[in-house]
PDB file of N, CA and C in Angstrom:
ATOM      1  N   UNK A   1     -53.460 -45.367  66.946  1.00  0.00           N
ATOM      2  CA  UNK A   1     -52.072 -44.713  66.854  1.00  0.00           C
ATOM      3  C   UNK A   1     -52.104 -43.589  67.750  1.00  0.00           C
ATOM      4  N   UNK A   2     -50.853 -43.159  68.482  1.00  0.00           N
ATOM      5  CA  UNK A   2     -51.484 -42.131  69.215  1.00  0.00           C
ATOM      6  C   UNK A   2     -51.395 -40.597  68.419  1.00  0.00           C
ATOM      7  N   UNK A   3     -51.944 -39.575  68.996  1.00  0.00           N
ATOM      8  CA  UNK A   3     -51.595 -38.476  68.206  1.00  0.00           C
ATOM      9  C   UNK A   3     -50.199 -38.190  67.786  1.00  0.00           C
ATOM     10  N   UNK A   4     -50.079 -37.413  66.554  1.00  0.00           N
ATOM     11  CA  UNK A   4     -48.669 -37.146  66.017  1.00  0.00           C
ATOM     12  C   UNK A   4     -48.598 -35.340  65.559  1.00  0.00           C
ATOM     13  N   UNK A   5     -47.310 -35.100  65.681  1.00  0.00           N
ATOM     14  CA  UNK A   5     -47.362 -33.657  65.067  1.00  0.00           C
ATOM     15  C   UNK A   5     -46.249 -33.956  63.763  1.00  0.00           C
ATOM     16  N   UNK A   6     -46.276 -33.077  62.966  1.00  0.00           N
ATOM     17  CA  UNK A   6     -45.391 -32.957  61.876  1.00  0.00           C
ATOM     18  C   UNK A   6     -44.419 -31.777  61.893  1.00  0.00           C
ATOM     19  N   UNK A   7     -43.304 -31.967  61.422  1.00  0.00           N
ATOM     20  CA  UNK A   7     -42.153 -31.283  61.418  1.00  0.00           C
ATOM     21  C   UNK A   7     -41.472 -31.211  60.003  1.00  0.00           C
ATOM     22  N   UNK A   8     -40.936 -30.062  59.803  1.00  0.00           N
ATOM     23  CA  UNK A   8     -40.124 -30.074  58.400  1.00  0.00           C
ATOM     24  C   UNK A   8     -38.461 -30.348  58.901  1.00  0.00           C
ATOM     25  N   UNK A   9     -37.741 -31.235  58.518  1.00  0.00           N
ATOM     26  CA  UNK A   9     -36.587 -31.217  58.543  1.00  0.00           C
ATOM     27  C   UNK A   9     -35.882 -31.039  57.607  1.00  0.00           C
ATOM     28  N   UNK A  10     -35.063 -30.120  57.852  1.00  0.00           N
ATOM     29  CA  UNK A  10     -33.908 -29.891  56.578  1.00  0.00           C
ATOM     30  C   UNK A  10     -32.618 -30.448  56.859  1.00  0.00           C
ATOM     31  N   UNK A  11     -31.740 -30.952  55.968  1.00  0.00           N
ATOM     32  CA  UNK A  11     -30.499 -31.543  56.364  1.00  0.00           C
ATOM     33  C   UNK A  11     -29.518 -31.256  54.806  1.00  0.00           C
ATOM     34  N   UNK A  12     -28.435 -31.008  55.260  1.00  0.00           N
ATOM     35  CA  UNK A  12     -27.597 -30.561  54.046  1.00  0.00           C
ATOM     36  C   UNK A  12     -27.721 -31.898  53.006  1.00  0.00           C
ATOM     37  N   UNK A  13     -27.495 -31.335  51.539  1.00  0.00           N
ATOM     38  CA  UNK A  13     -27.649 -32.603  50.716  1.00  0.00           C
ATOM     39  C   UNK A  13     -26.481 -33.388  50.506  1.00  0.00           C
ATOM     40  N   UNK A  14     -25.274 -33.098  50.801  1.00  0.00           N
ATOM     41  CA  UNK A  14     -24.483 -33.826  50.946  1.00  0.00           C
ATOM     42  C   UNK A  14     -24.256 -35.173  51.763  1.00  0.00           C
ATOM     43  N   UNK A  15     -25.303 -35.025  52.760  1.00  0.00           N
ATOM     44  CA  UNK A  15     -25.511 -35.961  53.819  1.00  0.00           C
ATOM     45  C   UNK A  15     -26.156 -37.287  52.943  1.00  0.00           C
ATOM     46  N   UNK A  16     -26.757 -36.867  51.654  1.00  0.00           N
ATOM     47  CA  UNK A  16     -27.355 -37.860  51.255  1.00  0.00           C
ATOM     48  C   UNK A  16     -28.296 -38.724  52.091  1.00  0.00           C
ATOM     49  N   UNK A  17     -29.011 -38.512  53.073  1.00  0.00           N
ATOM     50  CA  UNK A  17     -29.686 -39.147  53.729  1.00  0.00           C
ATOM     51  C   UNK A  17     -30.790 -40.076  53.252  1.00  0.00           C
ATOM     52  N   UNK A  18     -31.422 -39.801  52.143  1.00  0.00           N
ATOM     53  CA  UNK A  18     -32.444 -40.770  51.704  1.00  0.00           C
ATOM     54  C   UNK A  18     -31.781 -42.083  51.112  1.00  0.00           C
ATOM     55  N   UNK A  19     -30.209 -42.112  50.638  1.00  0.00           N
ATOM     56  CA  UNK A  19     -29.706 -43.327  50.113  1.00  0.00           C
ATOM     57  C   UNK A  19     -29.371 -43.724  51.415  1.00  0.00           C
ATOM     58  N   UNK A  20     -28.927 -43.031  52.382  1.00  0.00           N
ATOM     59  CA  UNK A  20     -28.563 -44.012  53.971  1.00  0.00           C
ATOM     60  C   UNK A  20     -29.152 -44.435  54.330  1.00  0.00           C
ATOM     61  N   UNK A  21     -30.677 -43.695  54.723  1.00  0.00           N
ATOM     62  CA  UNK A  21     -31.517 -44.289  55.524  1.00  0.00           C
ATOM     63  C   UNK A  21     -32.124 -45.608  54.615  1.00  0.00           C
ATOM     64  N   UNK A  22     -32.332 -45.584  53.279  1.00  0.00           N
ATOM     65  CA  UNK A  22     -33.348 -46.430  52.746  1.00  0.00           C
ATOM     66  C   UNK A  22     -32.318 -47.399  52.203  1.00  0.00           C
ATOM     67  N   UNK A  23     -31.284 -47.152  51.605  1.00  0.00           N
ATOM     68  CA  UNK A  23     -30.445 -48.401  51.114  1.00  0.00           C
ATOM     69  C   UNK A  23     -29.544 -48.879  52.118  1.00  0.00           C
ATOM     70  N   UNK A  24     -28.883 -48.105  52.855  1.00  0.00           N
ATOM     71  CA  UNK A  24     -27.806 -48.430  53.614  1.00  0.00           C
ATOM     72  C   UNK A  24     -28.635 -49.216  55.028  1.00  0.00           C
ATOM     73  N   UNK A  25     -29.175 -48.624  55.776  1.00  0.00           N
ATOM     74  CA  UNK A  25     -30.132 -48.821  56.905  1.00  0.00           C
ATOM     75  C   UNK A  25     -31.197 -49.710  56.556  1.00  0.00           C
ATOM     76  N   UNK A  26     -31.711 -49.645  55.554  1.00  0.00           N
ATOM     77  CA  UNK A  26     -32.848 -50.390  55.370  1.00  0.00           C
ATOM     78  C   UNK A  26     -34.265 -50.037  55.804  1.00  0.00           C
ATOM     79  N   UNK A  27     -34.528 -48.750  56.119  1.00  0.00           N
ATOM     80  CA  UNK A  27     -35.580 -48.250  56.685  1.00  0.00           C
ATOM     81  C   UNK A  27     -36.557 -47.832  55.466  1.00  0.00           C
ATOM     82  N   UNK A  28     -37.893 -48.107  55.458  1.00  0.00           N
ATOM     83  CA  UNK A  28     -38.986 -48.126  54.333  1.00  0.00           C
ATOM     84  C   UNK A  28     -38.551 -46.475  53.894  1.00  0.00           C
ATOM     85  N   UNK A  29     -38.405 -45.383  54.594  1.00  0.00           N
ATOM     86  CA  UNK A  29     -38.443 -43.952  53.823  1.00  0.00           C
ATOM     87  C   UNK A  29     -37.488 -43.219  55.185  1.00  0.00           C
ATOM     88  N   UNK A  30     -37.137 -42.214  54.597  1.00  0.00           N
ATOM     89  CA  UNK A  30     -36.176 -41.371  55.560  1.00  0.00           C
ATOM     90  C   UNK A  30     -37.155 -40.798  56.828  1.00  0.00           C
ATOM     91  N   UNK A  31     -38.324 -40.458  56.597  1.00  0.00           N
ATOM     92  CA  UNK A  31     -39.235 -40.398  57.812  1.00  0.00           C
ATOM     93  C   UNK A  31     -39.233 -41.374  58.898  1.00  0.00           C
ATOM     94  N   UNK A  32     -39.425 -42.679  58.230  1.00  0.00           N
ATOM     95  CA  UNK A  32     -39.284 -43.638  59.226  1.00  0.00           C
ATOM     96  C   UNK A  32     -37.723 -43.576  60.045  1.00  0.00           C
ATOM     97  N   UNK A  33     -36.698 -43.336  59.458  1.00  0.00           N
ATOM     98  CA  UNK A  33     -35.660 -43.554  59.781  1.00  0.00           C
ATOM     99  C   UNK A  33     -35.332 -42.319  61.016  1.00  0.00           C
ATOM    100  N   UNK A  34     -35.712 -41.227  60.571  1.00  0.00           N
ATOM    101  CA  UNK A  34     -35.637 -39.901  61.483  1.00  0.00           C
ATOM    102  C   UNK A  34     -36.731 -40.142  62.799  1.00  0.00           C
ATOM    103  N   UNK A  35     -37.990 -40.821  62.573  1.00  0.00           N
ATOM    104  CA  UNK A  35     -39.060 -41.034  63.567  1.00  0.00           C
ATOM    105  C   UNK A  35     -38.064 -42.233  64.442  1.00  0.00           C
ATOM    106  N   UNK A  36     -37.677 -43.231  64.077  1.00  0.00           N
ATOM    107  CA  UNK A  36     -36.676 -44.009  64.906  1.00  0.00           C
ATOM    108  C   UNK A  36     -35.450 -43.379  65.981  1.00  0.00           C
ATOM    109  N   UNK A  37     -34.602 -42.528  64.986  1.00  0.00           N
ATOM    110  CA  UNK A  37     -33.953 -41.706  66.002  1.00  0.00           C
ATOM    111  C   UNK A  37     -34.502 -40.955  67.072  1.00  0.00           C
ATOM    112  N   UNK A  38     -35.265 -40.295  66.843  1.00  0.00           N
ATOM    113  CA  UNK A  38     -36.109 -39.264  67.780  1.00  0.00           C
ATOM    114  C   UNK A  38     -36.494 -40.152  68.758  1.00  0.00           C
ATOM    115  N   UNK A  39     -37.440 -41.341  68.698  1.00  0.00           N
ATOM    116  CA  UNK A  39     -37.703 -42.295  69.550  1.00  0.00           C
ATOM    117  C   UNK A  39     -36.810 -42.842  70.481  1.00  0.00           C
ATOM    118  N   UNK A  40     -35.735 -43.222  69.922  1.00  0.00           N
ATOM    119  CA  UNK A  40     -34.479 -43.572  70.602  1.00  0.00           C
ATOM    120  C   UNK A  40     -33.856 -42.457  71.430  1.00  0.00           C
ATOM    121  N   UNK A  41     -33.774 -41.332  70.962  1.00  0.00           N
ATOM    122  CA  UNK A  41     -33.173 -40.162  71.940  1.00  0.00           C
ATOM    123  C   UNK A  41     -34.387 -39.869  73.076  1.00  0.00           C
ATOM    124  N   UNK A  42     -35.583 -39.938  72.808  1.00  0.00           N
ATOM    125  CA  UNK A  42     -36.525 -39.693  73.642  1.00  0.00           C
ATOM    126  C   UNK A  42     -36.282 -40.864  74.982  1.00  0.00           C
ATOM    127  N   UNK A  43     -36.278 -41.874  74.652  1.00  0.00           N
ATOM    128  CA  UNK A  43     -36.191 -43.316  75.391  1.00  0.00           C
ATOM    129  C   UNK A  43     -34.798 -42.757  76.344  1.00  0.00           C
ATOM    130  N   UNK A  44     -33.886 -42.533  75.827  1.00  0.00           N
ATOM    131  CA  UNK A  44     -32.509 -42.288  76.486  1.00  0.00           C
ATOM    132  C   UNK A  44     -32.588 -41.259  77.397  1.00  0.00           C
ATOM    133  N   UNK A  45     -33.254 -39.969  77.084  1.00  0.00           N
ATOM    134  CA  UNK A  45     -33.439 -39.011  77.841  1.00  0.00           C
ATOM    135  C   UNK A  45     -34.257 -39.446  79.041  1.00  0.00           C
ATOM    136  N   UNK A  46     -35.577 -40.158  78.836  1.00  0.00           N
ATOM    137  CA  UNK A  46     -36.191 -40.752  79.924  1.00  0.00           C
ATOM    138  C   UNK A  46     -35.841 -41.440  80.906  1.00  0.00           C
ATOM    139  N   UNK A  47     -34.927 -42.358  80.283  1.00  0.00           N
ATOM    140  CA  UNK A  47     -34.273 -43.408  81.183  1.00  0.00           C
ATOM    141  C   UNK A  47     -33.026 -42.479  81.959  1.00  0.00           C
ATOM    142  N   UNK A  48     -32.354 -41.516  81.390  1.00  0.00           N
ATOM    143  CA  UNK A  48     -31.460 -40.659  82.287  1.00  0.00           C
ATOM    144  C   UNK A  48     -32.104 -39.970  83.075  1.00  0.00           C
ATOM    145  N   UNK A  49     -33.177 -39.391  82.966  1.00  0.00           N
ATOM    146  CA  UNK A  49     -34.048 -38.565  83.821  1.00  0.00           C
ATOM    147  C   UNK A  49     -34.411 -39.482  85.024  1.00  0.00           C
ATOM    148  N   UNK A  50     -34.576 -40.619  84.823  1.00  0.00           N
ATOM    149  CA  UNK A  50     -35.717 -41.350  85.924  1.00  0.00           C
ATOM    150  C   UNK A  50     -34.047 -41.952  86.719  1.00  0.00           C
ATOM    151  N   UNK A  51     -32.820 -42.254  86.051  1.00  0.00           N
ATOM    152  CA  UNK A  51     -31.632 -42.325  86.888  1.00  0.00           C
ATOM    153  C   UNK A  51     -31.158 -41.268  87.791  1.00  0.00           C
ATOM    154  N   UNK A  52     -31.569 -39.932  87.027  1.00  0.00           N
ATOM    155  CA  UNK A  52     -31.032 -39.029  88.166  1.00  0.00           C
ATOM    156  C   UNK A  52     -32.074 -38.583  89.220  1.00  0.00           C
ATOM    157  N   UNK A  53     -33.460 -39.045  88.845  1.00  0.00           N
ATOM    158  CA  UNK A  53     -34.477 -38.876  90.151  1.00  0.00           C
ATOM    159  C   UNK A  53     -34.166 -39.907  91.221  1.00  0.00           C
ATOM    160  N   UNK A  54     -33.260 -40.848  90.978  1.00  0.00           N
ATOM    161  CA  UNK A  54     -33.017 -42.007  91.846  1.00  0.00           C
ATOM    162  C   UNK A  54     -32.064 -41.471  92.713  1.00  0.00           C
ATOM    163  N   UNK A  55     -31.307 -40.300  92.404  1.00  0.00           N
ATOM    164  CA  UNK A  55     -30.045 -40.173  93.211  1.00  0.00           C
ATOM    165  C   UNK A  55     -30.561 -39.139  94.435  1.00  0.00           C
TER     166      UNK A  55
END
């Protein structure tokens, strides 16, 4: 596994993030859900940067 960093993420309680991520989205934990969101965002950013570099 690659090196990793830890961050504290705070969200409004009314978001009910734990229920959404584990019950509705079926992730094992809120951390896994956030990790997936960040991974997707980084991949989209890298793809966009690669497309911009081609122009």
